[in-house]
C-alpha atoms as a PDB file:
ATOM      1  CA  MET A   1       9.600 -15.171  13.635  1.00  0.00           C
ATOM      2  CA  SER A   2       7.860 -11.803  13.610  1.00  0.00           C
ATOM      3  CA  GLN A   3       4.131 -11.359  13.584  1.00  0.00           C
ATOM      4  CA  THR A   4       2.447  -9.849  10.556  1.00  0.00           C
ATOM      5  CA  LYS A   5      -0.460  -7.473  10.757  1.00  0.00           C
ATOM      6  CA  GLU A   6      -3.577  -8.057   8.711  1.00  0.00           C
ATOM      7  CA  PHE A   7      -4.846  -4.939   6.967  1.00  0.00           C
ATOM      8  CA  SER A   8      -8.512  -4.434   6.176  1.00  0.00           C
ATOM      9  CA  LEU A   9      -9.592  -3.378   2.717  1.00  0.00           C
ATOM     10  CA  GLU A  10     -10.220   0.153   3.978  1.00  0.00           C
ATOM     11  CA  GLU A  11      -6.728   0.347   5.483  1.00  0.00           C
ATOM     12  CA  ARG A  12      -5.159  -0.904   2.253  1.00  0.00           C
ATOM     13  CA  ILE A  13      -7.042   1.663   0.210  1.00  0.00           C
ATOM     14  CA  ALA A  14      -5.931   4.440   2.570  1.00  0.00           C
ATOM     15  CA  ILE A  15      -2.313   3.271   2.241  1.00  0.00           C
ATOM     16  CA  VAL A  16      -2.594   3.118  -1.558  1.00  0.00           C
ATOM     17  CA  LEU A  17      -4.113   6.602  -1.778  1.00  0.00           C
ATOM     18  CA  TYR A  18      -1.398   7.989   0.501  1.00  0.00           C
ATOM     19  CA  CYS A  19       1.289   6.404  -1.685  1.00  0.00           C
ATOM     20  CA  ILE A  20      -0.232   7.786  -4.902  1.00  0.00           C
ATOM     21  CA  ALA A  21      -0.689  11.247  -3.373  1.00  0.00           C
ATOM     22  CA  ASN A  22       3.008  11.256  -2.431  1.00  0.00           C
ATOM     23  CA  ASN A  23       4.280  10.590  -5.958  1.00  0.00           C
ATOM     24  CA  TYR A  24       4.405   6.810  -5.582  1.00  0.00           C
ATOM     25  CA  ASP A  25       6.813   6.894  -2.631  1.00  0.00           C
ATOM     26  CA  TYR A  26       6.595   3.177  -1.900  1.00  0.00           C
ATOM     27  CA  SER A  27       9.435   3.070   0.616  1.00  0.00           C
ATOM     28  CA  GLY A  28       8.228   6.128   2.541  1.00  0.00           C
ATOM     29  CA  THR A  29       4.712   4.722   2.651  1.00  0.00           C
ATOM     30  CA  ALA A  30       6.004   1.349   3.820  1.00  0.00           C
ATOM     31  CA  VAL A  31       7.876   2.952   6.698  1.00  0.00           C
ATOM     32  CA  LYS A  32       4.970   5.210   7.691  1.00  0.00           C
ATOM     33  CA  TYR A  33       2.423   2.380   7.830  1.00  0.00           C
ATOM     34  CA  GLN A  34       4.846  -0.366   8.968  1.00  0.00           C
ATOM     35  CA  VAL A  35       4.154  -2.601   5.990  1.00  0.00           C
ATOM     36  CA  THR A  36       6.545  -4.120   3.482  1.00  0.00           C
ATOM     37  CA  TYR A  37       7.586  -2.273   0.353  1.00  0.00           C
ATOM     38  CA  GLN A  38       6.394  -5.243  -1.698  1.00  0.00           C
ATOM     39  CA  ASN A  39       2.900  -5.116  -0.195  1.00  0.00           C
ATOM     40  CA  VAL A  40       2.573  -1.401  -0.914  1.00  0.00           C
ATOM     41  CA  TYR A  41       3.762  -1.912  -4.477  1.00  0.00           C
ATOM     42  CA  ASN A  42       1.369  -4.817  -5.094  1.00  0.00           C
ATOM     43  CA  TRP A  43      -1.601  -3.018  -3.552  1.00  0.00           C
ATOM     44  CA  VAL A  44      -0.992   0.078  -5.710  1.00  0.00           C
ATOM     45  CA  LYS A  45      -0.709  -1.996  -8.879  1.00  0.00           C
ATOM     46  CA  ARG A  46      -3.886  -3.948  -8.079  1.00  0.00           C
ATOM     47  CA  TYR A  47      -5.728  -0.723  -7.269  1.00  0.00           C
ATOM     48  CA  GLU A  48      -4.676   0.817 -10.587  1.00  0.00           C
ATOM     49  CA  MET A  49      -5.590  -2.306 -12.554  1.00  0.00           C
ATOM     50  CA  ALA A  50      -9.068  -2.397 -10.977  1.00  0.00           C
ATOM     51  CA  ARG A  51      -9.560   1.327 -11.409  1.00  0.00           C
ATOM     52  CA  TYR A  52      -8.603   1.484 -15.091  1.00  0.00           C
ATOM     53  CA  LYS A  53     -10.386  -1.661 -16.306  1.00  0.00           C
END
C-alpha cells in the first residue's frame, strides 16, 4: 500500500490556482504536484463554490 501525502490548506490553494491558471488542466496539475486527478478536481470545485457563494 502506498503512502499518501497530506497537503496543507496553503498547498491546496496553490495547486488549485495553478490548475485554474492553466485552463483547468486537472491531469497536468495532478502529475506536476503528485496528487490524484480526483483530488485536484474536488479541490477546484470546492474552491469555486466557496468563492462564488
